[in-house]
């Protein structure tokens, strides 16, 4: 009869020889990271490292906001936006985009740009208006969750990559961040003025679930020509310099200007199409399958019904 020690050693040998494989519910073949060379492991996991950093910044902002360190919470959320931009840029640069990365990025965004801004608004308004604080925070979180779920469900490889449908959650969070930083003064933390963050947050929250198209500025984030790289570098230097000199004013200008790009794009679309050609505006939007129910009939939108940006 084998001893207990011998049985344990035999069990360990069996476990070492056994190859555990990841199973996909769709039946697609899944390759474990253990099967990849070290260099390939680094390539495919590099974007997820930035995603994890994005999530860490958003998660850290939550306890800071609850402990009345709203300025530091806003700073960490700004860093989360930078990390979110980097993970997409790195994934496209090294060709490491994947369905897993898309899902992980959305989960991280829900923490950094859904939960963290909601808590930031909640803690700012809570001292005098607890009910309003809860309603505004929940509205933000619900809209962010809906926007991210819709984005994952309606990914269309043929869509115009220059535009997002609905305001992206990092851009919407930037509005809350800029507002909180600008209002981070004692005289604005009492009376009716304390409601300003909650009131202002309603607009980007509703824009996230709208079908209004916003520019993605992907060509600015991942430039492909020398002229584009110079433009990106100048924009980055100007933004960093602005944050160093006047962070509140810089964030307000950048965040609120991005909100205005959608209505200005709609208003100037016909003029831009006549002057610069049809490629300067968004092509007609194609109706996709409903996120709730399947659609019937023609799945396209007539040209006259589409609004150029």
C-alpha atoms as a PDB file:
ATOM      1  CA  UNK A   1       0.000   0.000   0.000  1.00  0.00           C
ATOM      2  CA  UNK A   2       1.462   3.379  -0.950  1.00  0.00           C
ATOM      3  CA  UNK A   3       1.952   5.903   1.792  1.00  0.00           C
ATOM      4  CA  UNK A   4       0.141   9.239   1.899  1.00  0.00           C
ATOM      5  CA  UNK A   5       3.356  11.044   0.905  1.00  0.00           C
ATOM      6  CA  UNK A   6       3.801   8.803  -2.130  1.00  0.00           C
ATOM      7  CA  UNK A   7       0.173   9.370  -3.148  1.00  0.00           C
ATOM      8  CA  UNK A   8       0.612  13.126  -2.935  1.00  0.00           C
ATOM      9  CA  UNK A   9       3.782  12.966  -5.069  1.00  0.00           C
ATOM     10  CA  UNK A  10       1.971  10.855  -7.675  1.00  0.00           C
ATOM     11  CA  UNK A  11      -0.944  13.341  -7.761  1.00  0.00           C
ATOM     12  CA  UNK A  12       1.453  16.255  -8.283  1.00  0.00           C
ATOM     13  CA  UNK A  13       3.152  14.427 -11.176  1.00  0.00           C
ATOM     14  CA  UNK A  14      -0.222  13.819 -12.828  1.00  0.00           C
ATOM     15  CA  UNK A  15      -1.203  17.473 -12.455  1.00  0.00           C
ATOM     16  CA  UNK A  16       2.093  18.620 -13.958  1.00  0.00           C
ATOM     17  CA  UNK A  17       1.653  16.376 -16.992  1.00  0.00           C
ATOM     18  CA  UNK A  18      -1.979  17.326 -17.561  1.00  0.00           C
ATOM     19  CA  UNK A  19      -2.587  20.144 -20.058  1.00  0.00           C
ATOM     20  CA  UNK A  20      -5.382  22.427 -18.958  1.00  0.00           C
ATOM     21  CA  UNK A  21      -6.918  24.195 -21.951  1.00  0.00           C
ATOM     22  CA  UNK A  22      -9.173  27.243 -22.060  1.00  0.00           C
ATOM     23  CA  UNK A  23     -12.562  26.461 -23.579  1.00  0.00           C
ATOM     24  CA  UNK A  24     -14.564  28.969 -25.618  1.00  0.00           C
ATOM     25  CA  UNK A  25     -18.349  28.968 -25.345  1.00  0.00           C
ATOM     26  CA  UNK A  26     -18.534  29.779 -29.066  1.00  0.00           C
ATOM     27  CA  UNK A  27     -16.450  26.750 -30.010  1.00  0.00           C
ATOM     28  CA  UNK A  28     -13.577  28.872 -31.335  1.00  0.00           C
ATOM     29  CA  UNK A  29     -10.059  27.613 -30.667  1.00  0.00           C
ATOM     30  CA  UNK A  30      -8.424  29.479 -27.788  1.00  0.00           C
ATOM     31  CA  UNK A  31      -4.662  29.677 -27.336  1.00  0.00           C
ATOM     32  CA  UNK A  32      -3.375  29.937 -23.787  1.00  0.00           C
ATOM     33  CA  UNK A  33      -0.624  32.429 -23.014  1.00  0.00           C
ATOM     34  CA  UNK A  34       1.487  29.517 -21.805  1.00  0.00           C
ATOM     35  CA  UNK A  35       1.708  28.307 -25.398  1.00  0.00           C
ATOM     36  CA  UNK A  36       3.189  31.577 -26.695  1.00  0.00           C
ATOM     37  CA  UNK A  37       6.842  32.670 -26.742  1.00  0.00           C
ATOM     38  CA  UNK A  38       7.809  35.320 -24.198  1.00  0.00           C
ATOM     39  CA  UNK A  39       8.106  38.037 -26.851  1.00  0.00           C
ATOM     40  CA  UNK A  40       4.640  37.231 -28.171  1.00  0.00           C
ATOM     41  CA  UNK A  41       3.219  37.207 -24.644  1.00  0.00           C
ATOM     42  CA  UNK A  42       4.502  40.742 -24.115  1.00  0.00           C
ATOM     43  CA  UNK A  43       3.044  41.895 -27.425  1.00  0.00           C
ATOM     44  CA  UNK A  44      -0.451  40.562 -26.826  1.00  0.00           C
ATOM     45  CA  UNK A  45      -0.618  41.653 -23.175  1.00  0.00           C
ATOM     46  CA  UNK A  46       0.874  45.150 -23.605  1.00  0.00           C
ATOM     47  CA  UNK A  47      -2.509  46.872 -24.256  1.00  0.00           C
ATOM     48  CA  UNK A  48      -4.034  45.109 -21.231  1.00  0.00           C
ATOM     49  CA  UNK A  49      -1.284  46.561 -19.033  1.00  0.00           C
ATOM     50  CA  UNK A  50      -2.482  50.056 -19.917  1.00  0.00           C
ATOM     51  CA  UNK A  51      -6.084  48.915 -19.375  1.00  0.00           C
ATOM     52  CA  UNK A  52      -5.140  47.653 -15.907  1.00  0.00           C
ATOM     53  CA  UNK A  53      -3.464  51.001 -15.166  1.00  0.00           C
ATOM     54  CA  UNK A  54      -6.632  52.783 -16.318  1.00  0.00           C
ATOM     55  CA  UNK A  55      -8.708  50.616 -13.967  1.00  0.00           C
ATOM     56  CA  UNK A  56      -6.279  51.180 -11.074  1.00  0.00           C
ATOM     57  CA  UNK A  57      -6.544  54.960 -11.486  1.00  0.00           C
ATOM     58  CA  UNK A  58     -10.336  54.860 -11.593  1.00  0.00           C
ATOM     59  CA  UNK A  59     -10.577  52.562  -8.584  1.00  0.00           C
ATOM     60  CA  UNK A  60      -8.140  54.727  -6.582  1.00  0.00           C
ATOM     61  CA  UNK A  61     -10.186  57.827  -7.370  1.00  0.00           C
ATOM     62  CA  UNK A  62     -13.247  56.382  -5.603  1.00  0.00           C
ATOM     63  CA  UNK A  63     -11.864  56.284  -2.005  1.00  0.00           C
ATOM     64  CA  UNK A  64     -10.162  59.640  -2.576  1.00  0.00           C
ATOM     65  CA  UNK A  65     -13.518  61.188  -3.524  1.00  0.00           C
ATOM     66  CA  UNK A  66     -15.206  59.667  -0.471  1.00  0.00           C
ATOM     67  CA  UNK A  67     -12.466  61.142   1.735  1.00  0.00           C
ATOM     68  CA  UNK A  68     -12.936  64.701   0.388  1.00  0.00           C
ATOM     69  CA  UNK A  69      -9.846  64.608  -1.841  1.00  0.00           C
ATOM     70  CA  UNK A  70     -11.813  65.460  -4.964  1.00  0.00           C
ATOM     71  CA  UNK A  71      -8.889  67.297  -6.565  1.00  0.00           C
ATOM     72  CA  UNK A  72      -6.650  64.222  -6.395  1.00  0.00           C
ATOM     73  CA  UNK A  73      -9.531  62.003  -7.508  1.00  0.00           C
ATOM     74  CA  UNK A  74     -10.022  64.200 -10.566  1.00  0.00           C
ATOM     75  CA  UNK A  75      -6.286  64.070 -11.285  1.00  0.00           C
ATOM     76  CA  UNK A  76      -6.302  60.262 -11.188  1.00  0.00           C
ATOM     77  CA  UNK A  77      -9.331  60.147 -13.475  1.00  0.00           C
ATOM     78  CA  UNK A  78      -7.451  62.386 -15.912  1.00  0.00           C
ATOM     79  CA  UNK A  79      -4.573  59.906 -15.816  1.00  0.00           C
ATOM     80  CA  UNK A  80      -7.108  57.129 -16.447  1.00  0.00           C
ATOM     81  CA  UNK A  81      -8.171  58.915 -19.654  1.00  0.00           C
ATOM     82  CA  UNK A  82      -4.533  59.011 -20.767  1.00  0.00           C
ATOM     83  CA  UNK A  83      -4.148  55.280 -20.035  1.00  0.00           C
ATOM     84  CA  UNK A  84      -7.356  54.535 -21.939  1.00  0.00           C
ATOM     85  CA  UNK A  85      -6.054  56.418 -24.967  1.00  0.00           C
ATOM     86  CA  UNK A  86      -2.726  54.591 -24.721  1.00  0.00           C
ATOM     87  CA  UNK A  87      -4.190  51.084 -24.587  1.00  0.00           C
ATOM     88  CA  UNK A  88      -6.138  51.589 -27.810  1.00  0.00           C
ATOM     89  CA  UNK A  89      -3.205  53.280 -29.535  1.00  0.00           C
ATOM     90  CA  UNK A  90      -0.786  50.535 -28.491  1.00  0.00           C
ATOM     91  CA  UNK A  91      -3.211  47.776 -29.539  1.00  0.00           C
ATOM     92  CA  UNK A  92      -3.578  49.276 -33.014  1.00  0.00           C
ATOM     93  CA  UNK A  93       0.131  50.016 -33.308  1.00  0.00           C
ATOM     94  CA  UNK A  94       1.319  46.464 -32.580  1.00  0.00           C
ATOM     95  CA  UNK A  95      -1.718  44.678 -34.012  1.00  0.00           C
ATOM     96  CA  UNK A  96      -2.882  43.209 -30.706  1.00  0.00           C
ATOM     97  CA  UNK A  97      -6.584  44.057 -30.817  1.00  0.00           C
ATOM     98  CA  UNK A  98      -8.818  41.218 -29.632  1.00  0.00           C
ATOM     99  CA  UNK A  99     -12.393  40.599 -28.416  1.00  0.00           C
ATOM    100  CA  UNK A 100     -10.985  39.962 -24.945  1.00  0.00           C
ATOM    101  CA  UNK A 101      -9.254  43.351 -24.988  1.00  0.00           C
ATOM    102  CA  UNK A 102     -12.475  45.075 -26.042  1.00  0.00           C
ATOM    103  CA  UNK A 103     -14.421  43.526 -23.167  1.00  0.00           C
ATOM    104  CA  UNK A 104     -11.694  44.201 -20.600  1.00  0.00           C
ATOM    105  CA  UNK A 105     -11.394  47.801 -21.774  1.00  0.00           C
ATOM    106  CA  UNK A 106     -15.134  48.358 -21.352  1.00  0.00           C
ATOM    107  CA  UNK A 107     -15.110  46.868 -17.849  1.00  0.00           C
ATOM    108  CA  UNK A 108     -12.213  49.141 -16.899  1.00  0.00           C
ATOM    109  CA  UNK A 109     -13.999  52.134 -18.443  1.00  0.00           C
ATOM    110  CA  UNK A 110     -17.117  51.386 -16.407  1.00  0.00           C
ATOM    111  CA  UNK A 111     -15.013  51.765 -13.252  1.00  0.00           C
ATOM    112  CA  UNK A 112     -12.922  54.754 -14.337  1.00  0.00           C
ATOM    113  CA  UNK A 113     -15.526  56.690 -16.332  1.00  0.00           C
ATOM    114  CA  UNK A 114     -18.743  55.286 -14.915  1.00  0.00           C
ATOM    115  CA  UNK A 115     -18.337  54.622 -11.206  1.00  0.00           C
ATOM    116  CA  UNK A 116     -15.572  57.154 -10.411  1.00  0.00           C
ATOM    117  CA  UNK A 117     -17.327  60.222 -11.959  1.00  0.00           C
ATOM    118  CA  UNK A 118     -20.606  59.144 -10.342  1.00  0.00           C
ATOM    119  CA  UNK A 119     -18.931  59.005  -6.924  1.00  0.00           C
ATOM    120  CA  UNK A 120     -17.199  62.335  -7.585  1.00  0.00           C
ATOM    121  CA  UNK A 121     -20.534  64.017  -8.325  1.00  0.00           C
ATOM    122  CA  UNK A 122     -22.207  62.239  -5.412  1.00  0.00           C
ATOM    123  CA  UNK A 123     -19.665  63.338  -2.815  1.00  0.00           C
ATOM    124  CA  UNK A 124     -19.687  66.950  -4.042  1.00  0.00           C
ATOM    125  CA  UNK A 125     -23.465  67.330  -3.775  1.00  0.00           C
ATOM    126  CA  UNK A 126     -24.157  64.974  -0.841  1.00  0.00           C
ATOM    127  CA  UNK A 127     -23.628  67.418   2.091  1.00  0.00           C
ATOM    128  CA  UNK A 128     -26.708  69.531   1.253  1.00  0.00           C
ATOM    129  CA  UNK A 129     -28.677  67.609  -1.397  1.00  0.00           C
ATOM    130  CA  UNK A 130     -28.422  63.840  -0.691  1.00  0.00           C
ATOM    131  CA  UNK A 131     -31.372  62.817  -2.884  1.00  0.00           C
ATOM    132  CA  UNK A 132     -30.205  64.925  -5.833  1.00  0.00           C
ATOM    133  CA  UNK A 133     -26.696  63.526  -5.334  1.00  0.00           C
ATOM    134  CA  UNK A 134     -27.965  59.933  -5.559  1.00  0.00           C
ATOM    135  CA  UNK A 135     -30.151  60.584  -8.610  1.00  0.00           C
ATOM    136  CA  UNK A 136     -27.376  62.390 -10.505  1.00  0.00           C
ATOM    137  CA  UNK A 137     -24.794  59.732  -9.639  1.00  0.00           C
ATOM    138  CA  UNK A 138     -27.049  56.844 -10.622  1.00  0.00           C
ATOM    139  CA  UNK A 139     -28.101  58.550 -13.871  1.00  0.00           C
ATOM    140  CA  UNK A 140     -24.437  58.914 -14.788  1.00  0.00           C
ATOM    141  CA  UNK A 141     -23.579  55.304 -13.927  1.00  0.00           C
ATOM    142  CA  UNK A 142     -26.598  53.913 -15.792  1.00  0.00           C
ATOM    143  CA  UNK A 143     -25.874  55.968 -18.923  1.00  0.00           C
ATOM    144  CA  UNK A 144     -22.202  54.968 -18.889  1.00  0.00           C
ATOM    145  CA  UNK A 145     -23.098  51.276 -18.516  1.00  0.00           C
ATOM    146  CA  UNK A 146     -25.640  51.487 -21.355  1.00  0.00           C
ATOM    147  CA  UNK A 147     -23.194  53.310 -23.607  1.00  0.00           C
ATOM    148  CA  UNK A 148     -20.386  50.779 -23.037  1.00  0.00           C
ATOM    149  CA  UNK A 149     -22.702  47.782 -23.474  1.00  0.00           C
ATOM    150  CA  UNK A 150     -24.075  49.233 -26.704  1.00  0.00           C
ATOM    151  CA  UNK A 151     -20.568  49.945 -27.964  1.00  0.00           C
ATOM    152  CA  UNK A 152     -19.514  46.315 -27.408  1.00  0.00           C
ATOM    153  CA  UNK A 153     -22.656  44.940 -29.017  1.00  0.00           C
ATOM    154  CA  UNK A 154     -22.763  47.160 -32.097  1.00  0.00           C
ATOM    155  CA  UNK A 155     -19.129  46.994 -33.219  1.00  0.00           C
ATOM    156  CA  UNK A 156     -19.278  47.284 -37.001  1.00  0.00           C
ATOM    157  CA  UNK A 157     -16.025  46.646 -38.917  1.00  0.00           C
ATOM    158  CA  UNK A 158     -17.414  48.592 -41.898  1.00  0.00           C
ATOM    159  CA  UNK A 159     -18.334  51.706 -39.864  1.00  0.00           C
ATOM    160  CA  UNK A 160     -16.478  54.983 -40.257  1.00  0.00           C
ATOM    161  CA  UNK A 161     -13.742  54.825 -37.621  1.00  0.00           C
ATOM    162  CA  UNK A 162     -13.572  58.622 -37.480  1.00  0.00           C
ATOM    163  CA  UNK A 163     -16.728  58.760 -35.378  1.00  0.00           C
ATOM    164  CA  UNK A 164     -18.269  57.343 -32.215  1.00  0.00           C
ATOM    165  CA  UNK A 165     -22.038  56.850 -31.932  1.00  0.00           C
ATOM    166  CA  UNK A 166     -22.814  58.717 -28.729  1.00  0.00           C
ATOM    167  CA  UNK A 167     -20.304  60.603 -26.648  1.00  0.00           C
ATOM    168  CA  UNK A 168     -17.454  58.314 -25.539  1.00  0.00           C
ATOM    169  CA  UNK A 169     -17.307  57.759 -21.797  1.00  0.00           C
ATOM    170  CA  UNK A 170     -13.765  59.209 -21.353  1.00  0.00           C
ATOM    171  CA  UNK A 171     -14.832  62.431 -23.066  1.00  0.00           C
ATOM    172  CA  UNK A 172     -17.972  62.611 -20.946  1.00  0.00           C
ATOM    173  CA  UNK A 173     -15.934  61.983 -17.781  1.00  0.00           C
ATOM    174  CA  UNK A 174     -13.607  64.827 -18.772  1.00  0.00           C
ATOM    175  CA  UNK A 175     -16.572  67.226 -18.494  1.00  0.00           C
ATOM    176  CA  UNK A 176     -17.209  66.132 -14.893  1.00  0.00           C
ATOM    177  CA  UNK A 177     -13.492  66.260 -14.064  1.00  0.00           C
ATOM    178  CA  UNK A 178     -13.092  69.765 -15.481  1.00  0.00           C
ATOM    179  CA  UNK A 179     -16.213  71.007 -13.708  1.00  0.00           C
ATOM    180  CA  UNK A 180     -15.168  69.626 -10.322  1.00  0.00           C
ATOM    181  CA  UNK A 181     -11.644  71.047 -10.646  1.00  0.00           C
ATOM    182  CA  UNK A 182     -12.994  74.458 -11.637  1.00  0.00           C
ATOM    183  CA  UNK A 183     -15.483  74.479  -8.733  1.00  0.00           C
ATOM    184  CA  UNK A 184     -13.010  73.198  -6.135  1.00  0.00           C
ATOM    185  CA  UNK A 185     -13.245  76.369  -4.045  1.00  0.00           C
ATOM    186  CA  UNK A 186     -14.743  76.793  -0.562  1.00  0.00           C
ATOM    187  CA  UNK A 187     -17.155  79.561  -1.556  1.00  0.00           C
ATOM    188  CA  UNK A 188     -18.690  77.283  -4.227  1.00  0.00           C
ATOM    189  CA  UNK A 189     -19.225  74.360  -1.840  1.00  0.00           C
ATOM    190  CA  UNK A 190     -22.285  75.825  -0.093  1.00  0.00           C
ATOM    191  CA  UNK A 191     -25.750  76.945  -1.137  1.00  0.00           C
ATOM    192  CA  UNK A 192     -27.400  76.332  -4.513  1.00  0.00           C
ATOM    193  CA  UNK A 193     -24.028  76.538  -6.312  1.00  0.00           C
ATOM    194  CA  UNK A 194     -23.129  73.137  -4.883  1.00  0.00           C
ATOM    195  CA  UNK A 195     -25.641  71.664  -7.364  1.00  0.00           C
ATOM    196  CA  UNK A 196     -23.600  72.746 -10.393  1.00  0.00           C
ATOM    197  CA  UNK A 197     -21.647  69.470 -10.814  1.00  0.00           C
ATOM    198  CA  UNK A 198     -24.862  67.434 -10.668  1.00  0.00           C
ATOM    199  CA  UNK A 199     -26.685  69.708 -13.122  1.00  0.00           C
ATOM    200  CA  UNK A 200     -23.805  69.849 -15.587  1.00  0.00           C
ATOM    201  CA  UNK A 201     -23.264  66.076 -15.450  1.00  0.00           C
ATOM    202  CA  UNK A 202     -26.754  65.473 -16.881  1.00  0.00           C
ATOM    203  CA  UNK A 203     -25.749  66.774 -20.334  1.00  0.00           C
ATOM    204  CA  UNK A 204     -22.755  64.447 -21.000  1.00  0.00           C
ATOM    205  CA  UNK A 205     -24.654  61.554 -19.381  1.00  0.00           C
ATOM    206  CA  UNK A 206     -27.492  61.886 -21.890  1.00  0.00           C
ATOM    207  CA  UNK A 207     -25.052  62.449 -24.752  1.00  0.00           C
ATOM    208  CA  UNK A 208     -23.441  59.087 -23.963  1.00  0.00           C
ATOM    209  CA  UNK A 209     -26.701  57.247 -24.696  1.00  0.00           C
ATOM    210  CA  UNK A 210     -27.624  59.428 -27.669  1.00  0.00           C
ATOM    211  CA  UNK A 211     -26.987  58.505 -31.308  1.00  0.00           C
ATOM    212  CA  UNK A 212     -25.180  61.785 -32.012  1.00  0.00           C
ATOM    213  CA  UNK A 213     -21.804  61.129 -33.606  1.00  0.00           C
ATOM    214  CA  UNK A 214     -18.610  62.475 -32.055  1.00  0.00           C
ATOM    215  CA  UNK A 215     -15.209  62.585 -33.700  1.00  0.00           C
ATOM    216  CA  UNK A 216     -12.854  59.892 -32.447  1.00  0.00           C
ATOM    217  CA  UNK A 217      -9.670  61.815 -33.401  1.00  0.00           C
ATOM    218  CA  UNK A 218      -8.044  58.426 -33.938  1.00  0.00           C
ATOM    219  CA  UNK A 219      -5.778  59.929 -36.598  1.00  0.00           C
ATOM    220  CA  UNK A 220      -4.499  62.353 -33.948  1.00  0.00           C
ATOM    221  CA  UNK A 221      -3.873  59.622 -31.373  1.00  0.00           C
ATOM    222  CA  UNK A 222      -2.177  57.219 -33.805  1.00  0.00           C
ATOM    223  CA  UNK A 223      -0.628  59.419 -36.503  1.00  0.00           C
ATOM    224  CA  UNK A 224       0.592  57.662 -39.646  1.00  0.00           C
ATOM    225  CA  UNK A 225       2.393  60.455 -41.486  1.00  0.00           C
ATOM    226  CA  UNK A 226       5.221  62.740 -40.484  1.00  0.00           C
ATOM    227  CA  UNK A 227       2.984  65.807 -40.590  1.00  0.00           C
ATOM    228  CA  UNK A 228       0.419  64.054 -38.401  1.00  0.00           C
ATOM    229  CA  UNK A 229       3.124  63.091 -35.898  1.00  0.00           C
ATOM    230  CA  UNK A 230       4.277  66.695 -35.670  1.00  0.00           C
ATOM    231  CA  UNK A 231       0.674  67.828 -35.120  1.00  0.00           C
ATOM    232  CA  UNK A 232       0.160  65.213 -32.400  1.00  0.00           C
ATOM    233  CA  UNK A 233       3.390  66.230 -30.671  1.00  0.00           C
ATOM    234  CA  UNK A 234       2.440  69.922 -30.720  1.00  0.00           C
ATOM    235  CA  UNK A 235      -1.029  69.188 -29.347  1.00  0.00           C
ATOM    236  CA  UNK A 236       0.440  67.006 -26.582  1.00  0.00           C
ATOM    237  CA  UNK A 237       3.006  69.663 -25.613  1.00  0.00           C
ATOM    238  CA  UNK A 238       0.343  72.386 -25.581  1.00  0.00           C
ATOM    239  CA  UNK A 239      -1.966  70.239 -23.432  1.00  0.00           C
ATOM    240  CA  UNK A 240       0.743  69.353 -20.912  1.00  0.00           C
ATOM    241  CA  UNK A 241       1.888  72.989 -20.741  1.00  0.00           C
ATOM    242  CA  UNK A 242      -1.705  74.084 -20.190  1.00  0.00           C
ATOM    243  CA  UNK A 243      -2.142  71.590 -17.371  1.00  0.00           C
ATOM    244  CA  UNK A 244       1.050  72.833 -15.746  1.00  0.00           C
ATOM    245  CA  UNK A 245       0.111  76.527 -15.970  1.00  0.00           C
ATOM    246  CA  UNK A 246      -3.694  76.527 -15.609  1.00  0.00           C
ATOM    247  CA  UNK A 247      -5.091  73.011 -15.128  1.00  0.00           C
ATOM    248  CA  UNK A 248      -8.693  74.070 -14.456  1.00  0.00           C
ATOM    249  CA  UNK A 249      -8.936  76.361 -17.477  1.00  0.00           C
ATOM    250  CA  UNK A 250      -7.192  73.838 -19.740  1.00  0.00           C
ATOM    251  CA  UNK A 251      -9.512  70.995 -18.753  1.00  0.00           C
ATOM    252  CA  UNK A 252     -12.572  73.223 -19.172  1.00  0.00           C
ATOM    253  CA  UNK A 253     -11.537  74.330 -22.663  1.00  0.00           C
ATOM    254  CA  UNK A 254     -10.679  70.807 -23.839  1.00  0.00           C
ATOM    255  CA  UNK A 255     -13.708  69.047 -22.316  1.00  0.00           C
ATOM    256  CA  UNK A 256     -16.351  71.605 -23.228  1.00  0.00           C
ATOM    257  CA  UNK A 257     -14.898  72.088 -26.724  1.00  0.00           C
ATOM    258  CA  UNK A 258     -15.259  68.364 -27.352  1.00  0.00           C
ATOM    259  CA  UNK A 259     -18.916  68.517 -26.326  1.00  0.00           C
ATOM    260  CA  UNK A 260     -19.446  71.334 -28.821  1.00  0.00           C
ATOM    261  CA  UNK A 261     -17.848  69.424 -31.720  1.00  0.00           C
ATOM    262  CA  UNK A 262     -21.040  67.409 -32.286  1.00  0.00           C
ATOM    263  CA  UNK A 263     -23.564  70.270 -32.684  1.00  0.00           C
ATOM    264  CA  UNK A 264     -21.020  72.370 -34.556  1.00  0.00           C
ATOM    265  CA  UNK A 265     -20.342  69.430 -36.853  1.00  0.00           C
ATOM    266  CA  UNK A 266     -24.038  69.098 -37.656  1.00  0.00           C
ATOM    267  CA  UNK A 267     -24.437  72.831 -38.290  1.00  0.00           C
ATOM    268  CA  UNK A 268     -21.337  73.166 -40.480  1.00  0.00           C
ATOM    269  CA  UNK A 269     -21.710  69.816 -42.252  1.00  0.00           C
ATOM    270  CA  UNK A 270     -23.497  71.052 -45.417  1.00  0.00           C
ATOM    271  CA  UNK A 271     -21.043  73.943 -45.860  1.00  0.00           C
ATOM    272  CA  UNK A 272     -18.018  71.671 -45.379  1.00  0.00           C
ATOM    273  CA  UNK A 273     -19.419  69.151 -47.864  1.00  0.00           C
ATOM    274  CA  UNK A 274     -19.762  71.869 -50.517  1.00  0.00           C
ATOM    275  CA  UNK A 275     -16.330  73.394 -49.878  1.00  0.00           C
ATOM    276  CA  UNK A 276     -14.147  70.391 -49.035  1.00  0.00           C
ATOM    277  CA  UNK A 277     -16.130  67.560 -50.599  1.00  0.00           C
ATOM    278  CA  UNK A 278     -18.250  64.715 -49.209  1.00  0.00           C
ATOM    279  CA  UNK A 279     -15.224  63.046 -47.567  1.00  0.00           C
ATOM    280  CA  UNK A 280     -15.080  65.906 -45.045  1.00  0.00           C
ATOM    281  CA  UNK A 281     -18.364  64.839 -43.399  1.00  0.00           C
ATOM    282  CA  UNK A 282     -19.576  61.584 -41.935  1.00  0.00           C
ATOM    283  CA  UNK A 283     -21.195  59.189 -44.412  1.00  0.00           C
ATOM    284  CA  UNK A 284     -24.873  58.279 -43.970  1.00  0.00           C
ATOM    285  CA  UNK A 285     -25.322  56.185 -40.851  1.00  0.00           C
ATOM    286  CA  UNK A 286     -26.467  52.595 -41.369  1.00  0.00           C
ATOM    287  CA  UNK A 287     -29.041  51.207 -38.991  1.00  0.00           C
ATOM    288  CA  UNK A 288     -27.749  48.193 -37.096  1.00  0.00           C
ATOM    289  CA  UNK A 289     -29.534  45.402 -35.269  1.00  0.00           C
ATOM    290  CA  UNK A 290     -31.382  46.617 -32.185  1.00  0.00           C
ATOM    291  CA  UNK A 291     -29.674  45.939 -28.875  1.00  0.00           C
ATOM    292  CA  UNK A 292     -33.060  44.795 -27.517  1.00  0.00           C
ATOM    293  CA  UNK A 293     -35.090  43.402 -30.439  1.00  0.00           C
ATOM    294  CA  UNK A 294     -34.240  42.380 -34.013  1.00  0.00           C
ATOM    295  CA  UNK A 295     -35.231  44.916 -36.640  1.00  0.00           C
ATOM    296  CA  UNK A 296     -37.194  44.154 -39.783  1.00  0.00           C
ATOM    297  CA  UNK A 297     -37.296  45.748 -43.165  1.00  0.00           C
ATOM    298  CA  UNK A 298     -34.593  47.850 -44.765  1.00  0.00           C
ATOM    299  CA  UNK A 299     -31.601  48.236 -42.455  1.00  0.00           C
ATOM    300  CA  UNK A 300     -30.250  51.359 -44.085  1.00  0.00           C
ATOM    301  CA  UNK A 301     -30.983  55.023 -43.576  1.00  0.00           C
ATOM    302  CA  UNK A 302     -31.717  57.245 -46.534  1.00  0.00           C
ATOM    303  CA  UNK A 303     -29.114  59.852 -47.345  1.00  0.00           C
ATOM    304  CA  UNK A 304     -31.529  62.706 -46.665  1.00  0.00           C
ATOM    305  CA  UNK A 305     -32.239  61.318 -43.170  1.00  0.00           C
ATOM    306  CA  UNK A 306     -28.569  61.244 -42.180  1.00  0.00           C
ATOM    307  CA  UNK A 307     -27.034  64.201 -40.449  1.00  0.00           C
ATOM    308  CA  UNK A 308     -23.482  65.084 -41.518  1.00  0.00           C
ATOM    309  CA  UNK A 309     -20.840  65.960 -38.911  1.00  0.00           C
END
